[in-house]
Amino acid sequence: MHINFTGGISHPLSRRRSNYCRYLCNRKQKNNLKTKKMNYLRTNIQEIETADELQKIINENENVMVCCGRMGPMCIPVYEIMEELEEEYENVKFYSMGFDNPESVVIRSAPECRGFMGLPFTMYYKNGQVAKATTSIQNMTQVKENLDNHLA
């Protein structure tokens, strides 16, 4: 028998069982990461997973809009607007990136986002450069204005 941190007594088999369960769970997660892409967001917008992928996209496309957020009440409306505008703005590539993805540090720490407090952080790229950055919820009119003024 062993004394645990709370002062109670635990049985050695229960410790082994719990360690084995933890081992199986970690093993399953590692296997999932090898075979499946990690998606932080549940949207119909294509999700960027790495900083290298983001760099490649903004270098290969003239106009790119990236919404970096979560599945929260301030972000979901922006994703929905992007989905609606994909057909109307064929010259713009629309992408999302999970705010909690460690790779999104390239957006979170961008100089244009300094001082931003609300999610999502939305970046508008023109010819590989940041043309505009916004924070927090946006309505259809605001997104269209940014697309027309900065990515036209």
N, C-alpha and C. Protein backbone atom coordinates (compact mmCIF):
# COMPACT_ATOMS: atom_id res chain seq x y z
N MET A 1 0.83 -1.18 0.00
CA MET A 1 0.00 0.00 0.00
C MET A 1 0.88 1.24 0.00
N HIS A 2 0.36 2.30 -0.61
CA HIS A 2 1.07 3.56 -0.69
C HIS A 2 0.19 4.68 -0.18
N ILE A 3 0.81 5.68 0.39
CA ILE A 3 0.07 6.85 0.84
C ILE A 3 0.11 7.87 -0.29
N ASN A 4 -1.06 8.37 -0.68
CA ASN A 4 -1.08 9.36 -1.76
C ASN A 4 -1.00 10.76 -1.17
N PHE A 5 -0.97 11.77 -2.03
CA PHE A 5 -0.75 13.15 -1.60
C PHE A 5 -1.88 13.70 -0.73
N THR A 6 -3.05 13.17 -0.88
CA THR A 6 -4.17 13.68 -0.07
C THR A 6 -4.21 13.04 1.30
N GLY A 7 -3.26 12.14 1.57
CA GLY A 7 -3.19 11.53 2.89
C GLY A 7 -3.90 10.19 2.95
N GLY A 8 -4.62 9.82 1.91
CA GLY A 8 -5.31 8.54 1.87
C GLY A 8 -4.38 7.44 1.44
N ILE A 9 -4.86 6.22 1.50
CA ILE A 9 -4.05 5.07 1.10
C ILE A 9 -4.58 4.58 -0.24
N SER A 10 -3.65 4.36 -1.19
CA SER A 10 -4.06 3.85 -2.49
C SER A 10 -3.45 2.47 -2.70
N HIS A 11 -4.12 1.66 -3.43
CA HIS A 11 -3.67 0.31 -3.71
C HIS A 11 -2.70 0.35 -4.90
N PRO A 12 -1.58 -0.42 -4.87
CA PRO A 12 -0.61 -0.38 -5.96
C PRO A 12 -1.21 -0.74 -7.33
N LEU A 13 -2.19 -1.65 -7.35
CA LEU A 13 -2.80 -2.02 -8.63
C LEU A 13 -3.58 -0.85 -9.23
N SER A 14 -4.20 -0.04 -8.41
CA SER A 14 -4.95 1.09 -8.96
C SER A 14 -4.00 2.10 -9.60
N ARG A 15 -2.80 2.27 -9.03
CA ARG A 15 -1.81 3.15 -9.64
C ARG A 15 -1.35 2.61 -10.98
N ARG A 16 -1.07 1.30 -11.03
CA ARG A 16 -0.64 0.69 -12.29
C ARG A 16 -1.72 0.82 -13.35
N ARG A 17 -2.95 0.57 -12.96
CA ARG A 17 -4.07 0.65 -13.90
C ARG A 17 -4.20 2.07 -14.44
N SER A 18 -4.08 3.05 -13.58
CA SER A 18 -4.21 4.42 -14.02
C SER A 18 -3.05 4.82 -14.93
N ASN A 19 -1.83 4.37 -14.62
CA ASN A 19 -0.68 4.64 -15.49
C ASN A 19 -0.85 3.97 -16.84
N TYR A 20 -1.38 2.75 -16.85
CA TYR A 20 -1.59 2.03 -18.10
C TYR A 20 -2.65 2.74 -18.95
N CYS A 21 -3.72 3.21 -18.33
CA CYS A 21 -4.76 3.94 -19.05
C CYS A 21 -4.19 5.23 -19.65
N ARG A 22 -3.35 5.92 -18.88
CA ARG A 22 -2.72 7.14 -19.37
C ARG A 22 -1.82 6.82 -20.56
N TYR A 23 -1.08 5.71 -20.48
CA TYR A 23 -0.21 5.28 -21.56
C TYR A 23 -1.02 5.00 -22.83
N LEU A 24 -2.11 4.25 -22.70
CA LEU A 24 -2.94 3.93 -23.86
C LEU A 24 -3.54 5.19 -24.49
N CYS A 25 -3.99 6.10 -23.65
CA CYS A 25 -4.58 7.34 -24.14
C CYS A 25 -3.55 8.16 -24.91
N ASN A 26 -2.35 8.30 -24.37
CA ASN A 26 -1.28 9.05 -25.05
C ASN A 26 -0.91 8.39 -26.37
N ARG A 27 -0.84 7.07 -26.36
CA ARG A 27 -0.49 6.33 -27.58
C ARG A 27 -1.54 6.54 -28.66
N LYS A 28 -2.81 6.51 -28.27
CA LYS A 28 -3.90 6.72 -29.22
C LYS A 28 -3.83 8.14 -29.80
N GLN A 29 -3.56 9.14 -28.96
CA GLN A 29 -3.46 10.52 -29.43
C GLN A 29 -2.30 10.67 -30.42
N LYS A 30 -1.16 10.05 -30.13
CA LYS A 30 -0.02 10.14 -31.04
C LYS A 30 -0.34 9.50 -32.38
N ASN A 31 -1.03 8.35 -32.36
CA ASN A 31 -1.42 7.70 -33.61
C ASN A 31 -2.38 8.56 -34.41
N ASN A 32 -3.30 9.23 -33.73
CA ASN A 32 -4.25 10.11 -34.42
C ASN A 32 -3.52 11.28 -35.07
N LEU A 33 -2.51 11.81 -34.41
CA LEU A 33 -1.77 12.94 -34.96
C LEU A 33 -0.99 12.53 -36.21
N LYS A 34 -0.53 11.28 -36.25
CA LYS A 34 0.23 10.83 -37.41
C LYS A 34 -0.68 10.64 -38.62
N THR A 35 -1.91 10.23 -38.40
CA THR A 35 -2.78 9.87 -39.51
C THR A 35 -3.81 10.94 -39.85
N LYS A 36 -4.07 11.83 -38.95
CA LYS A 36 -5.15 12.78 -39.15
C LYS A 36 -4.67 14.21 -38.93
N LYS A 37 -5.22 15.14 -39.70
CA LYS A 37 -4.88 16.54 -39.50
C LYS A 37 -5.57 17.04 -38.24
N MET A 38 -4.90 17.94 -37.56
CA MET A 38 -5.45 18.51 -36.33
C MET A 38 -6.24 19.76 -36.69
N ASN A 39 -7.54 19.73 -36.51
CA ASN A 39 -8.36 20.90 -36.78
C ASN A 39 -8.85 21.49 -35.47
N TYR A 40 -8.60 22.78 -35.31
CA TYR A 40 -9.05 23.48 -34.12
C TYR A 40 -10.44 24.04 -34.31
N LEU A 41 -10.83 24.24 -35.57
CA LEU A 41 -12.09 24.91 -35.87
C LEU A 41 -13.01 24.01 -36.68
N ARG A 42 -14.30 24.19 -36.49
CA ARG A 42 -15.29 23.43 -37.24
C ARG A 42 -16.03 24.40 -38.16
N THR A 43 -15.38 24.76 -39.26
CA THR A 43 -15.98 25.66 -40.23
C THR A 43 -15.83 25.06 -41.61
N ASN A 44 -16.48 25.68 -42.59
CA ASN A 44 -16.32 25.25 -43.97
C ASN A 44 -15.18 26.01 -44.65
N ILE A 45 -14.53 26.88 -43.93
CA ILE A 45 -13.38 27.62 -44.44
C ILE A 45 -12.15 26.73 -44.28
N GLN A 46 -11.30 26.70 -45.30
CA GLN A 46 -10.09 25.89 -45.22
C GLN A 46 -9.21 26.39 -44.08
N GLU A 47 -8.74 25.46 -43.26
CA GLU A 47 -7.96 25.83 -42.07
C GLU A 47 -6.46 25.68 -42.31
N ILE A 48 -5.73 26.72 -41.95
CA ILE A 48 -4.27 26.70 -42.02
C ILE A 48 -3.75 26.09 -40.73
N GLU A 49 -2.80 25.17 -40.84
CA GLU A 49 -2.31 24.48 -39.65
C GLU A 49 -0.91 24.87 -39.21
N THR A 50 -0.10 25.40 -40.13
CA THR A 50 1.28 25.72 -39.76
C THR A 50 1.65 27.12 -40.25
N ALA A 51 2.66 27.68 -39.61
CA ALA A 51 3.17 28.99 -40.02
C ALA A 51 3.76 28.92 -41.43
N ASP A 52 4.40 27.81 -41.76
CA ASP A 52 4.96 27.64 -43.11
C ASP A 52 3.85 27.60 -44.15
N GLU A 53 2.76 26.92 -43.83
CA GLU A 53 1.62 26.86 -44.75
C GLU A 53 1.03 28.26 -44.96
N LEU A 54 0.91 29.04 -43.89
CA LEU A 54 0.42 30.42 -44.00
C LEU A 54 1.34 31.23 -44.91
N GLN A 55 2.64 31.15 -44.70
CA GLN A 55 3.59 31.90 -45.52
C GLN A 55 3.48 31.51 -46.98
N LYS A 56 3.35 30.23 -47.25
CA LYS A 56 3.21 29.75 -48.63
C LYS A 56 1.95 30.31 -49.27
N ILE A 57 0.84 30.30 -48.53
CA ILE A 57 -0.44 30.80 -49.06
C ILE A 57 -0.36 32.28 -49.38
N ILE A 58 0.19 33.09 -48.48
CA ILE A 58 0.21 34.53 -48.75
C ILE A 58 1.24 34.88 -49.83
N ASN A 59 2.24 34.04 -50.03
CA ASN A 59 3.21 34.28 -51.10
C ASN A 59 2.66 33.88 -52.47
N GLU A 60 1.82 32.86 -52.50
CA GLU A 60 1.31 32.34 -53.78
C GLU A 60 0.02 33.00 -54.24
N ASN A 61 -0.65 33.74 -53.37
CA ASN A 61 -1.93 34.36 -53.73
C ASN A 61 -1.86 35.87 -53.55
N GLU A 62 -2.49 36.58 -54.47
CA GLU A 62 -2.45 38.05 -54.40
C GLU A 62 -3.23 38.58 -53.20
N ASN A 63 -4.45 38.04 -52.99
CA ASN A 63 -5.34 38.53 -51.93
C ASN A 63 -5.75 37.38 -51.01
N VAL A 64 -5.48 37.55 -49.72
CA VAL A 64 -5.80 36.50 -48.75
C VAL A 64 -6.41 37.14 -47.50
N MET A 65 -7.48 36.52 -47.01
CA MET A 65 -8.08 36.92 -45.73
C MET A 65 -7.96 35.73 -44.79
N VAL A 66 -7.36 35.95 -43.62
CA VAL A 66 -7.21 34.88 -42.63
C VAL A 66 -7.85 35.33 -41.34
N CYS A 67 -8.78 34.51 -40.84
CA CYS A 67 -9.45 34.79 -39.58
C CYS A 67 -8.88 33.83 -38.54
N CYS A 68 -8.21 34.36 -37.53
CA CYS A 68 -7.56 33.57 -36.49
C CYS A 68 -8.41 33.68 -35.22
N GLY A 69 -9.12 32.60 -34.88
CA GLY A 69 -10.01 32.67 -33.73
C GLY A 69 -10.33 31.32 -33.15
N ARG A 70 -11.44 31.29 -32.45
CA ARG A 70 -11.94 30.07 -31.81
C ARG A 70 -13.38 29.85 -32.27
N MET A 71 -14.01 28.83 -31.75
CA MET A 71 -15.42 28.58 -32.06
C MET A 71 -16.28 29.27 -31.01
N GLY A 72 -16.15 30.59 -30.91
CA GLY A 72 -16.89 31.37 -29.93
C GLY A 72 -17.84 32.35 -30.58
N PRO A 73 -18.63 33.04 -29.78
CA PRO A 73 -19.69 33.92 -30.29
C PRO A 73 -19.18 35.13 -31.07
N MET A 74 -17.93 35.53 -30.87
CA MET A 74 -17.39 36.67 -31.62
C MET A 74 -16.76 36.21 -32.94
N CYS A 75 -16.37 34.96 -33.02
CA CYS A 75 -15.66 34.45 -34.19
C CYS A 75 -16.59 33.79 -35.21
N ILE A 76 -17.56 33.03 -34.75
CA ILE A 76 -18.42 32.28 -35.65
C ILE A 76 -19.09 33.18 -36.70
N PRO A 77 -19.62 34.36 -36.33
CA PRO A 77 -20.23 35.21 -37.37
C PRO A 77 -19.25 35.61 -38.47
N VAL A 78 -17.98 35.81 -38.12
CA VAL A 78 -16.98 36.19 -39.12
C VAL A 78 -16.73 35.02 -40.06
N TYR A 79 -16.66 33.79 -39.53
CA TYR A 79 -16.48 32.61 -40.38
C TYR A 79 -17.67 32.49 -41.34
N GLU A 80 -18.88 32.71 -40.82
CA GLU A 80 -20.08 32.60 -41.66
C GLU A 80 -20.06 33.64 -42.77
N ILE A 81 -19.63 34.85 -42.47
CA ILE A 81 -19.52 35.91 -43.48
C ILE A 81 -18.50 35.51 -44.54
N MET A 82 -17.38 34.97 -44.11
CA MET A 82 -16.35 34.54 -45.06
C MET A 82 -16.90 33.46 -46.00
N GLU A 83 -17.66 32.52 -45.44
CA GLU A 83 -18.26 31.46 -46.26
C GLU A 83 -19.19 32.06 -47.31
N GLU A 84 -19.98 33.05 -46.91
CA GLU A 84 -20.91 33.70 -47.83
C GLU A 84 -20.18 34.46 -48.93
N LEU A 85 -19.06 35.08 -48.60
CA LEU A 85 -18.36 35.94 -49.55
C LEU A 85 -17.41 35.20 -50.49
N GLU A 86 -17.16 33.92 -50.23
CA GLU A 86 -16.23 33.17 -51.08
C GLU A 86 -16.60 33.21 -52.55
N GLU A 87 -17.89 33.08 -52.85
CA GLU A 87 -18.32 33.09 -54.25
C GLU A 87 -18.29 34.49 -54.84
N GLU A 88 -18.64 35.48 -54.05
CA GLU A 88 -18.69 36.87 -54.52
C GLU A 88 -17.29 37.43 -54.78
N TYR A 89 -16.34 37.10 -53.94
CA TYR A 89 -14.97 37.60 -54.05
C TYR A 89 -14.05 36.47 -54.51
N GLU A 90 -14.13 36.15 -55.78
CA GLU A 90 -13.33 35.05 -56.32
C GLU A 90 -11.84 35.37 -56.34
N ASN A 91 -11.50 36.67 -56.29
CA ASN A 91 -10.09 37.07 -56.31
C ASN A 91 -9.44 37.01 -54.93
N VAL A 92 -10.21 36.64 -53.91
CA VAL A 92 -9.70 36.55 -52.54
C VAL A 92 -9.76 35.10 -52.07
N LYS A 93 -8.69 34.66 -51.45
CA LYS A 93 -8.66 33.32 -50.83
C LYS A 93 -8.97 33.48 -49.35
N PHE A 94 -9.93 32.73 -48.86
CA PHE A 94 -10.39 32.83 -47.48
C PHE A 94 -9.88 31.62 -46.68
N TYR A 95 -9.28 31.89 -45.52
CA TYR A 95 -8.74 30.83 -44.66
C TYR A 95 -9.03 31.15 -43.20
N SER A 96 -9.01 30.10 -42.39
CA SER A 96 -9.10 30.27 -40.94
C SER A 96 -7.86 29.66 -40.31
N MET A 97 -7.60 30.05 -39.08
CA MET A 97 -6.50 29.46 -38.31
C MET A 97 -6.90 29.46 -36.85
N GLY A 98 -6.70 28.36 -36.18
CA GLY A 98 -7.07 28.25 -34.77
C GLY A 98 -6.20 29.13 -33.89
N PHE A 99 -6.82 29.97 -33.09
CA PHE A 99 -6.08 30.86 -32.21
C PHE A 99 -5.24 30.07 -31.21
N ASP A 100 -5.73 28.91 -30.80
CA ASP A 100 -5.02 28.08 -29.81
C ASP A 100 -3.96 27.18 -30.44
N ASN A 101 -3.86 27.21 -31.74
CA ASN A 101 -2.82 26.47 -32.44
C ASN A 101 -1.49 27.17 -32.16
N PRO A 102 -0.49 26.46 -31.65
CA PRO A 102 0.79 27.11 -31.35
C PRO A 102 1.40 27.81 -32.58
N GLU A 103 1.09 27.31 -33.76
CA GLU A 103 1.63 27.90 -35.00
C GLU A 103 1.03 29.27 -35.30
N SER A 104 -0.12 29.59 -34.69
CA SER A 104 -0.76 30.88 -34.98
C SER A 104 -0.04 32.05 -34.31
N VAL A 105 1.05 31.77 -33.64
CA VAL A 105 1.84 32.84 -33.01
C VAL A 105 2.28 33.86 -34.05
N VAL A 106 2.42 33.45 -35.31
CA VAL A 106 2.81 34.39 -36.36
C VAL A 106 1.76 35.47 -36.57
N ILE A 107 0.50 35.14 -36.30
CA ILE A 107 -0.56 36.16 -36.39
C ILE A 107 -0.70 36.87 -35.05
N ARG A 108 -0.75 36.10 -33.96
CA ARG A 108 -0.94 36.70 -32.63
C ARG A 108 0.14 37.71 -32.26
N SER A 109 1.37 37.46 -32.73
CA SER A 109 2.47 38.35 -32.36
C SER A 109 2.85 39.33 -33.47
N ALA A 110 2.06 39.40 -34.51
CA ALA A 110 2.35 40.34 -35.61
C ALA A 110 2.26 41.78 -35.09
N PRO A 111 3.13 42.65 -35.57
CA PRO A 111 3.09 44.06 -35.12
C PRO A 111 1.73 44.71 -35.35
N GLU A 112 1.06 44.31 -36.43
CA GLU A 112 -0.26 44.89 -36.74
C GLU A 112 -1.31 44.49 -35.71
N CYS A 113 -1.05 43.43 -34.95
CA CYS A 113 -2.01 42.94 -33.95
C CYS A 113 -1.66 43.38 -32.53
N ARG A 114 -0.60 44.17 -32.39
CA ARG A 114 -0.19 44.64 -31.07
C ARG A 114 -1.34 45.43 -30.44
N GLY A 115 -1.68 45.09 -29.24
CA GLY A 115 -2.76 45.77 -28.53
C GLY A 115 -4.13 45.18 -28.77
N PHE A 116 -4.26 44.20 -29.65
CA PHE A 116 -5.55 43.56 -29.90
C PHE A 116 -5.98 42.79 -28.65
N MET A 117 -7.24 42.88 -28.31
CA MET A 117 -7.76 42.19 -27.14
C MET A 117 -8.84 41.17 -27.49
N GLY A 118 -9.70 41.49 -28.45
CA GLY A 118 -10.84 40.62 -28.76
C GLY A 118 -10.57 39.69 -29.92
N LEU A 119 -11.16 38.52 -29.85
CA LEU A 119 -11.07 37.56 -30.95
C LEU A 119 -12.25 37.77 -31.88
N PRO A 120 -12.08 37.44 -33.14
CA PRO A 120 -10.90 36.92 -33.80
C PRO A 120 -9.95 38.03 -34.25
N PHE A 121 -8.71 37.63 -34.53
CA PHE A 121 -7.76 38.53 -35.19
C PHE A 121 -7.91 38.21 -36.68
N THR A 122 -8.23 39.20 -37.48
CA THR A 122 -8.42 38.98 -38.91
C THR A 122 -7.35 39.74 -39.68
N MET A 123 -6.65 39.02 -40.52
CA MET A 123 -5.56 39.61 -41.30
C MET A 123 -5.95 39.60 -42.78
N TYR A 124 -5.72 40.73 -43.43
CA TYR A 124 -5.93 40.88 -44.86
C TYR A 124 -4.56 41.05 -45.51
N TYR A 125 -4.19 40.14 -46.41
CA TYR A 125 -2.88 40.18 -47.06
C TYR A 125 -3.03 40.55 -48.53
N LYS A 126 -2.20 41.46 -48.99
CA LYS A 126 -2.15 41.86 -50.39
C LYS A 126 -0.72 41.69 -50.87
N ASN A 127 -0.52 40.87 -51.90
CA ASN A 127 0.82 40.63 -52.48
C ASN A 127 1.85 40.24 -51.42
N GLY A 128 1.46 39.38 -50.50
CA GLY A 128 2.38 38.86 -49.49
C GLY A 128 2.62 39.76 -48.29
N GLN A 129 1.97 40.92 -48.26
CA GLN A 129 2.15 41.87 -47.16
C GLN A 129 0.82 42.09 -46.43
N VAL A 130 0.89 42.42 -45.16
CA VAL A 130 -0.33 42.73 -44.40
C VAL A 130 -0.87 44.07 -44.90
N ALA A 131 -2.10 44.05 -45.38
CA ALA A 131 -2.75 45.27 -45.86
C ALA A 131 -3.63 45.88 -44.77
N LYS A 132 -4.18 45.01 -43.90
CA LYS A 132 -5.09 45.46 -42.85
C LYS A 132 -5.19 44.36 -41.81
N ALA A 133 -5.37 44.74 -40.56
CA ALA A 133 -5.59 43.78 -39.48
C ALA A 133 -6.72 44.33 -38.61
N THR A 134 -7.64 43.46 -38.24
CA THR A 134 -8.76 43.88 -37.39
C THR A 134 -8.90 42.91 -36.23
N THR A 135 -9.59 43.36 -35.21
CA THR A 135 -9.84 42.54 -34.04
C THR A 135 -11.32 42.56 -33.71
N SER A 136 -11.79 41.50 -33.11
CA SER A 136 -13.16 41.35 -32.63
C SER A 136 -14.14 41.09 -33.77
N ILE A 137 -15.40 41.02 -33.41
CA ILE A 137 -16.45 40.68 -34.36
C ILE A 137 -16.57 41.75 -35.44
N GLN A 138 -16.90 41.32 -36.64
CA GLN A 138 -17.15 42.23 -37.75
C GLN A 138 -18.46 41.81 -38.41
N ASN A 139 -19.18 42.79 -38.93
CA ASN A 139 -20.39 42.45 -39.67
C ASN A 139 -20.07 42.40 -41.16
N MET A 140 -21.05 42.04 -41.96
CA MET A 140 -20.86 41.89 -43.40
C MET A 140 -20.34 43.18 -44.04
N THR A 141 -20.91 44.31 -43.64
CA THR A 141 -20.52 45.60 -44.20
C THR A 141 -19.05 45.90 -43.92
N GLN A 142 -18.61 45.66 -42.70
CA GLN A 142 -17.22 45.93 -42.33
C GLN A 142 -16.25 45.04 -43.10
N VAL A 143 -16.58 43.76 -43.24
CA VAL A 143 -15.71 42.85 -43.97
C VAL A 143 -15.64 43.26 -45.44
N LYS A 144 -16.79 43.58 -46.03
CA LYS A 144 -16.80 43.99 -47.44
C LYS A 144 -15.99 45.28 -47.65
N GLU A 145 -16.12 46.23 -46.71
CA GLU A 145 -15.33 47.47 -46.80
C GLU A 145 -13.83 47.17 -46.80
N ASN A 146 -13.41 46.29 -45.90
CA ASN A 146 -11.99 45.93 -45.83
C ASN A 146 -11.53 45.23 -47.10
N LEU A 147 -12.35 44.33 -47.62
CA LEU A 147 -12.00 43.63 -48.85
C LEU A 147 -11.91 44.61 -50.02
N ASP A 148 -12.90 45.51 -50.13
CA ASP A 148 -12.94 46.48 -51.24
C ASP A 148 -11.82 47.51 -51.12
N ASN A 149 -11.55 47.98 -49.92
CA ASN A 149 -10.55 49.04 -49.74
C ASN A 149 -9.11 48.55 -49.74
N HIS A 150 -8.89 47.32 -49.28
CA HIS A 150 -7.51 46.87 -49.10
C HIS A 150 -7.09 45.73 -50.03
N LEU A 151 -8.07 45.01 -50.58
CA LEU A 151 -7.71 43.88 -51.45
C LEU A 151 -8.28 44.05 -52.85
N ALA A 152 -8.68 45.25 -53.21
CA ALA A 152 -9.26 45.48 -54.55
C ALA A 152 -8.19 45.54 -55.62
